[in-house]
Amino acid sequence: MTPDLRVAYLIAGSDWPKVDAAIARLRAHFPEETVEQFSAGGDAPVDVAGACNALGLFGGRRLVLVRNAEALDDDAVVEIVAYLADPAPDTVLALFGGAGITPKHPLAAAVAAVGDVRLFDAPERKQAADWVVRRLADLGVSCSAAVARRLVDLAGDDVGDLALEVEKLAAYCAGAEARVEDVELLVIPRADIKPWDITDAWGRRDAATVIALATADIERPEDVGRLVSQLASHVRKVHRAAVVLDDGGSQADVARELNLKPFPAGKLVGQARSFARDELGRAVMRLADLDLAVKGGSRLDARFELELALADITGG
């Protein structure tokens, strides 16, 4: 085992942007063919210990990555704890989970003895502004408490939405101090998702229907801004679903990550599979550009800007 990696990791908590970042950093150390992924909580039991002790097809160092570790049954936990008492030398075991993993969980003690345990909790509403300040500081941008509170007022306290808006703000400020004016310019206000008829058409890549439905009830420029925030919120969720699926997750994982019931989670999964992950990332950024345009960043008519953007994100 090289010095930069431990034989086991347990990374969990409700702050899923940090958990996801940890997954990405760890996976970057391994070629794709040496990564074996499991997702706990399905119908079939997960034999994590057996996978760790198995010989890899390609030889050398390998990664066994387990999502939803909090859903492992008692037998699997006992087997993993026993395995960690004498781990395979060329295998890295990475357990990732949500808020169900606590410092008192049996896996936490077992992993801590041989590896690294990190638990990240999402902020409560009253702590969300402090979280924004810290997150921006990690990205090299200073921010006053007033600016952070304004960002939370606009984006809400969902840690996923906050993380996206913070990253956008940090990129815009490029090391300079963030101001309230920057937040007002960039952050898309939270709003309820537009009815499924529009998003269903988008998922089918039916640009003509998307544009027709989206513009049917637009009478004033501010109507465009309202619709943009609704669409942006939905596309961010689809992008999030795509990230979970690409990391080996299932529809149940998507529902758990986004706190959704099975039916809307299934809708998101279906739409996520209609678009490439990088395509969804570009759609998120295109809607952010649209939000800026309709707030005065463009001389074109707001409705025309909306139609152009909808064509872009639907047609690819």
Protein backbone atom coordinates (compact mmCIF):
# COMPACT_ATOMS: atom_id res chain seq x y z
CA MET A 1 0.00 0.00 0.00
CA THR A 2 1.44 3.38 -0.97
CA PRO A 3 1.83 5.94 1.84
CA ASP A 4 -0.85 8.25 0.45
CA LEU A 5 -3.64 5.69 0.87
CA ARG A 6 -4.96 3.81 3.91
CA VAL A 7 -6.41 0.31 3.80
CA ALA A 8 -9.89 1.54 4.73
CA TYR A 9 -11.98 4.70 4.67
CA LEU A 10 -15.36 5.56 6.14
CA ILE A 11 -16.72 8.83 4.78
CA ALA A 12 -20.31 9.69 5.54
CA GLY A 13 -22.80 12.33 6.64
CA SER A 14 -25.62 14.50 5.39
CA ASP A 15 -23.24 16.99 3.69
CA TRP A 16 -23.26 15.02 0.46
CA PRO A 17 -21.23 17.52 -1.60
CA LYS A 18 -18.28 16.85 0.69
CA VAL A 19 -18.93 13.11 0.62
CA ASP A 20 -19.10 13.16 -3.18
CA ALA A 21 -15.88 15.17 -3.39
CA ALA A 22 -14.18 12.56 -1.23
CA ILE A 23 -15.43 9.78 -3.51
CA ALA A 24 -14.05 11.58 -6.56
CA ARG A 25 -10.66 12.19 -4.94
CA LEU A 26 -10.30 8.58 -3.86
CA ARG A 27 -11.41 7.10 -7.18
CA ALA A 28 -8.87 9.28 -9.00
CA HIS A 29 -6.11 7.09 -7.50
CA PHE A 30 -7.37 3.97 -9.30
CA PRO A 31 -7.86 2.94 -12.92
CA GLU A 32 -11.54 2.28 -13.63
CA GLU A 33 -10.98 -1.43 -14.18
CA THR A 34 -9.60 -1.85 -10.63
CA VAL A 35 -12.68 -0.36 -8.94
CA GLU A 36 -15.44 -2.67 -7.71
CA GLN A 37 -18.62 -0.94 -6.56
CA PHE A 38 -21.50 -2.03 -4.37
CA SER A 39 -24.64 -0.30 -3.18
CA ALA A 40 -26.16 -1.56 0.07
CA GLY A 41 -29.86 -1.62 0.76
CA GLY A 42 -31.05 -3.57 -2.28
CA ASP A 43 -32.83 -6.90 -2.42
CA ALA A 44 -29.63 -8.94 -2.62
CA PRO A 45 -27.13 -9.00 0.28
CA VAL A 46 -23.77 -7.34 -0.31
CA ASP A 47 -20.65 -9.45 0.36
CA VAL A 48 -18.15 -6.67 1.01
CA ALA A 49 -15.66 -8.78 2.95
CA GLY A 50 -15.66 -11.43 0.24
CA ALA A 51 -15.00 -8.81 -2.44
CA CYS A 52 -12.08 -7.40 -0.44
CA ASN A 53 -10.47 -10.81 -0.05
CA ALA A 54 -10.95 -11.80 -3.69
CA LEU A 55 -8.02 -11.51 -6.07
CA GLY A 56 -8.29 -8.72 -8.62
CA LEU A 57 -8.32 -9.64 -12.32
CA PHE A 58 -5.55 -7.17 -13.12
CA GLY A 59 -3.37 -7.63 -10.05
CA GLY A 60 -1.97 -4.80 -7.98
CA ARG A 61 -3.86 -2.27 -5.92
CA ARG A 62 -7.67 -2.19 -6.16
CA LEU A 63 -10.59 -0.27 -4.66
CA VAL A 64 -13.76 -1.79 -3.21
CA LEU A 65 -16.26 1.07 -2.95
CA VAL A 66 -19.50 0.68 -1.01
CA ARG A 67 -22.27 3.27 -1.14
CA ASN A 68 -25.09 3.58 1.41
CA ALA A 69 -23.01 1.95 4.13
CA GLU A 70 -25.71 2.76 6.69
CA ALA A 71 -27.96 0.24 4.90
CA LEU A 72 -25.58 -2.71 5.40
CA ASP A 73 -27.27 -5.43 7.43
CA ASP A 74 -25.91 -6.62 10.78
CA ASP A 75 -24.26 -9.72 9.30
CA ALA A 76 -22.41 -7.66 6.70
CA VAL A 77 -21.22 -5.21 9.37
CA VAL A 78 -19.90 -8.06 11.53
CA GLU A 79 -18.06 -9.55 8.53
CA ILE A 80 -16.51 -6.17 7.60
CA VAL A 81 -15.36 -5.56 11.18
CA ALA A 82 -13.75 -9.02 11.20
CA TYR A 83 -12.11 -8.36 7.83
CA LEU A 84 -10.63 -5.05 9.03
CA ALA A 85 -8.82 -6.89 11.82
CA ASP A 86 -6.67 -8.45 9.06
CA PRO A 87 -7.24 -6.50 5.81
CA ALA A 88 -5.91 -7.57 2.41
CA PRO A 89 -2.71 -5.61 1.69
CA ASP A 90 -3.50 -4.61 -1.90
CA THR A 91 -7.15 -3.63 -1.35
CA VAL A 92 -8.55 -0.28 -0.29
CA LEU A 93 -12.04 -0.51 1.23
CA ALA A 94 -14.05 2.69 0.99
CA LEU A 95 -17.38 2.89 2.80
CA PHE A 96 -19.59 5.87 1.99
CA GLY A 97 -22.84 6.66 3.70
CA GLY A 98 -25.35 9.26 4.74
CA ALA A 99 -26.53 10.63 8.04
CA GLY A 100 -27.18 7.13 9.41
CA ILE A 101 -23.47 6.64 10.15
CA THR A 102 -22.43 8.12 13.51
CA PRO A 103 -19.14 8.03 15.48
CA LYS A 104 -20.64 5.22 17.60
CA HIS A 105 -21.38 2.99 14.60
CA PRO A 106 -19.41 -0.30 14.72
CA LEU A 107 -17.84 0.46 11.35
CA ALA A 108 -16.49 3.80 12.62
CA ALA A 109 -14.41 2.17 15.34
CA ALA A 110 -13.23 -0.65 13.07
CA VAL A 111 -12.14 1.67 10.27
CA ALA A 112 -10.55 4.19 12.65
CA ALA A 113 -8.20 1.46 13.92
CA VAL A 114 -6.65 0.91 10.48
CA GLY A 115 -7.74 3.78 8.29
CA ASP A 116 -9.50 7.12 8.11
CA VAL A 117 -12.99 8.13 9.32
CA ARG A 118 -14.55 11.42 8.24
CA LEU A 119 -18.12 12.43 9.03
CA PHE A 120 -19.56 15.53 7.38
CA ASP A 121 -22.84 16.96 8.65
CA ALA A 122 -24.90 19.37 6.57
CA PRO A 123 -25.68 22.64 8.32
CA GLU A 124 -28.92 23.36 10.11
CA ARG A 125 -30.87 26.38 8.86
CA LYS A 126 -29.33 28.69 11.46
CA GLN A 127 -25.84 27.41 10.61
CA ALA A 128 -26.22 27.56 6.83
CA ALA A 129 -24.67 31.03 6.51
CA ASP A 130 -21.63 29.93 8.52
CA TRP A 131 -21.31 26.93 6.22
CA VAL A 132 -21.34 29.25 3.19
CA VAL A 133 -18.56 31.38 4.70
CA ARG A 134 -16.40 28.32 5.36
CA ARG A 135 -17.07 26.78 1.96
CA LEU A 136 -16.15 29.99 0.15
CA ALA A 137 -12.99 30.29 2.23
CA ASP A 138 -12.02 26.76 1.15
CA LEU A 139 -12.36 28.01 -2.44
CA GLY A 140 -10.20 31.08 -1.81
CA VAL A 141 -12.99 33.67 -1.53
CA SER A 142 -13.77 35.77 1.55
CA CYS A 143 -17.35 36.54 2.45
CA SER A 144 -19.09 38.53 5.18
CA ALA A 145 -21.91 37.08 7.26
CA ALA A 146 -24.39 39.44 5.57
CA VAL A 147 -23.41 38.17 2.12
CA ALA A 148 -23.70 34.56 3.27
CA ARG A 149 -27.14 35.17 4.77
CA ARG A 150 -28.34 36.73 1.52
CA LEU A 151 -27.15 33.69 -0.43
CA VAL A 152 -29.06 31.40 1.94
CA ASP A 153 -32.15 33.62 1.65
CA LEU A 154 -32.11 33.22 -2.12
CA ALA A 155 -30.95 29.62 -2.53
CA GLY A 156 -32.47 28.06 0.60
CA ASP A 157 -30.68 25.82 3.09
CA ASP A 158 -30.51 22.63 1.01
CA VAL A 159 -26.82 21.75 1.06
CA GLY A 160 -26.80 20.69 -2.59
CA ASP A 161 -28.27 23.95 -3.85
CA LEU A 162 -25.95 25.91 -1.56
CA ALA A 163 -22.89 24.04 -2.81
CA LEU A 164 -23.73 24.75 -6.44
CA GLU A 165 -24.34 28.44 -5.81
CA VAL A 166 -21.18 28.77 -3.70
CA GLU A 167 -19.05 27.21 -6.45
CA LYS A 168 -20.59 29.53 -9.02
CA LEU A 169 -19.97 32.56 -6.81
CA ALA A 170 -16.37 31.50 -6.12
CA ALA A 171 -15.67 31.11 -9.83
CA TYR A 172 -17.12 34.55 -10.53
CA CYS A 173 -15.21 36.30 -7.73
CA ALA A 174 -11.92 34.56 -8.60
CA GLY A 175 -10.24 35.15 -5.24
CA ALA A 176 -11.78 38.56 -4.53
CA GLU A 177 -14.22 39.22 -1.71
CA ALA A 178 -17.81 38.27 -2.52
CA ARG A 179 -20.34 41.10 -2.24
CA VAL A 180 -24.11 41.18 -1.88
CA GLU A 181 -24.27 42.56 -5.43
CA ASP A 182 -22.49 39.44 -6.70
CA VAL A 183 -24.98 37.20 -4.92
CA GLU A 184 -27.94 39.12 -6.34
CA LEU A 185 -26.44 38.84 -9.80
CA LEU A 186 -25.59 35.15 -9.79
CA VAL A 187 -27.78 33.17 -7.38
CA ILE A 188 -30.95 31.64 -8.77
CA PRO A 189 -33.78 32.08 -6.24
CA ARG A 190 -35.32 28.86 -4.98
CA ALA A 191 -38.71 27.96 -6.33
CA ASP A 192 -40.99 24.98 -6.71
CA ILE A 193 -40.40 22.75 -9.72
CA LYS A 194 -42.43 23.55 -12.84
CA PRO A 195 -45.14 20.96 -13.56
CA TRP A 196 -43.96 17.69 -15.02
CA ASP A 197 -45.40 18.36 -18.48
CA ILE A 198 -42.53 20.79 -19.22
CA THR A 199 -39.80 18.69 -17.64
CA ASP A 200 -41.17 15.52 -19.26
CA ALA A 201 -40.88 17.18 -22.66
CA TRP A 202 -37.35 18.26 -21.82
CA GLY A 203 -36.47 14.69 -20.85
CA ARG A 204 -37.77 13.51 -24.23
CA ARG A 205 -35.59 16.17 -25.94
CA ASP A 206 -38.74 17.65 -27.47
CA ALA A 207 -37.52 21.24 -27.77
CA ALA A 208 -40.60 22.54 -29.61
CA THR A 209 -42.96 21.31 -26.86
CA VAL A 210 -40.68 22.56 -24.10
CA ILE A 211 -40.61 26.06 -25.58
CA ALA A 212 -44.34 26.10 -26.29
CA LEU A 213 -45.30 24.99 -22.79
CA ALA A 214 -42.73 27.15 -21.01
CA THR A 215 -43.71 30.34 -22.77
CA ALA A 216 -47.47 29.80 -22.81
CA ASP A 217 -48.16 31.77 -19.62
CA ILE A 218 -45.37 34.37 -19.84
CA GLU A 219 -46.84 37.85 -19.82
CA ARG A 220 -44.18 39.94 -18.05
CA PRO A 221 -40.34 39.88 -17.93
CA GLU A 222 -40.44 38.77 -14.30
CA ASP A 223 -42.37 35.64 -15.37
CA VAL A 224 -39.23 34.55 -17.21
CA GLY A 225 -37.14 34.83 -14.07
CA ARG A 226 -39.63 32.72 -12.13
CA LEU A 227 -39.60 30.00 -14.79
CA VAL A 228 -35.81 30.00 -15.02
CA SER A 229 -35.47 29.36 -11.29
CA GLN A 230 -37.95 26.48 -11.51
CA LEU A 231 -36.21 24.85 -14.45
CA ALA A 232 -32.76 25.37 -12.97
CA SER A 233 -33.82 23.68 -9.73
CA HIS A 234 -35.13 20.68 -11.66
CA VAL A 235 -32.09 20.35 -13.94
CA ARG A 236 -29.76 20.50 -10.94
CA LYS A 237 -31.65 17.56 -9.42
CA VAL A 238 -31.38 15.58 -12.67
CA HIS A 239 -27.66 16.32 -12.76
CA ARG A 240 -27.39 15.13 -9.17
CA ALA A 241 -29.24 11.94 -10.10
CA ALA A 242 -26.78 11.39 -12.96
CA VAL A 243 -23.85 11.73 -10.55
CA VAL A 244 -25.35 9.09 -8.25
CA LEU A 245 -26.00 6.72 -11.16
CA ASP A 246 -22.51 7.19 -12.62
CA ASP A 247 -21.04 6.32 -9.23
CA GLY A 248 -22.85 2.99 -9.26
CA GLY A 249 -25.99 4.08 -7.41
CA SER A 250 -29.56 2.93 -8.08
CA GLN A 251 -32.95 4.63 -8.24
CA ALA A 252 -33.32 3.93 -4.52
CA ASP A 253 -30.01 5.75 -3.95
CA VAL A 254 -31.29 8.74 -5.92
CA ALA A 255 -34.46 8.82 -3.85
CA ARG A 256 -32.42 8.67 -0.66
CA GLU A 257 -29.93 11.35 -1.73
CA LEU A 258 -32.59 13.82 -2.86
CA ASN A 259 -35.22 12.91 -0.25
CA LEU A 260 -37.78 11.95 -2.89
CA LYS A 261 -40.57 9.43 -3.11
CA PRO A 262 -40.16 6.56 -5.63
CA PHE A 263 -42.25 8.10 -8.44
CA PRO A 264 -40.42 11.46 -8.78
CA ALA A 265 -37.11 9.68 -8.22
CA GLY A 266 -37.96 7.39 -11.13
CA LYS A 267 -38.72 10.43 -13.27
CA LEU A 268 -35.34 11.95 -12.46
CA VAL A 269 -33.52 8.69 -13.20
CA GLY A 270 -35.26 8.37 -16.57
CA GLN A 271 -34.30 11.91 -17.51
CA ALA A 272 -30.74 11.48 -16.23
CA ARG A 273 -30.32 8.52 -18.57
CA SER A 274 -31.48 10.62 -21.53
CA PHE A 275 -28.52 12.98 -21.21
CA ALA A 276 -24.77 12.56 -20.77
CA ARG A 277 -23.48 13.75 -17.39
CA ASP A 278 -21.33 16.49 -18.92
CA GLU A 279 -24.30 17.56 -21.01
CA LEU A 280 -26.34 18.04 -17.84
CA GLY A 281 -23.49 20.01 -16.31
CA ARG A 282 -23.53 22.32 -19.32
CA ALA A 283 -27.31 22.67 -18.98
CA VAL A 284 -26.91 23.81 -15.36
CA MET A 285 -24.40 26.43 -16.44
CA ARG A 286 -26.52 27.48 -19.44
CA LEU A 287 -29.46 28.17 -17.15
CA ALA A 288 -27.19 30.14 -14.84
CA ASP A 289 -26.14 32.24 -17.85
CA LEU A 290 -29.81 32.67 -18.73
CA ASP A 291 -30.59 33.85 -15.21
CA LEU A 292 -27.88 36.50 -15.57
CA ALA A 293 -29.18 37.51 -19.01
CA VAL A 294 -32.77 38.04 -17.89
CA LYS A 295 -31.56 40.07 -14.89
CA GLY A 296 -30.07 42.68 -17.16
CA GLY A 297 -27.01 40.97 -18.53
CA SER A 298 -28.33 40.96 -22.08
CA ARG A 299 -29.98 43.51 -24.35
CA LEU A 300 -32.11 40.84 -25.96
CA ASP A 301 -35.74 40.30 -24.99
CA ALA A 302 -36.00 38.05 -21.92
CA ARG A 303 -38.47 35.69 -23.60
CA PHE A 304 -36.19 35.32 -26.61
CA GLU A 305 -33.26 34.56 -24.32
CA LEU A 306 -35.40 31.89 -22.65
CA GLU A 307 -36.28 30.27 -25.98
CA LEU A 308 -32.63 30.16 -27.03
CA ALA A 309 -31.59 28.58 -23.74
CA LEU A 310 -34.37 25.98 -23.83
CA ALA A 311 -33.34 24.98 -27.34
CA ASP A 312 -29.73 24.65 -26.18
CA ILE A 313 -30.41 22.48 -23.13
CA THR A 314 -32.99 20.28 -24.85
CA GLY A 315 -31.24 19.64 -28.13
CA GLY A 316 -27.78 19.10 -26.63
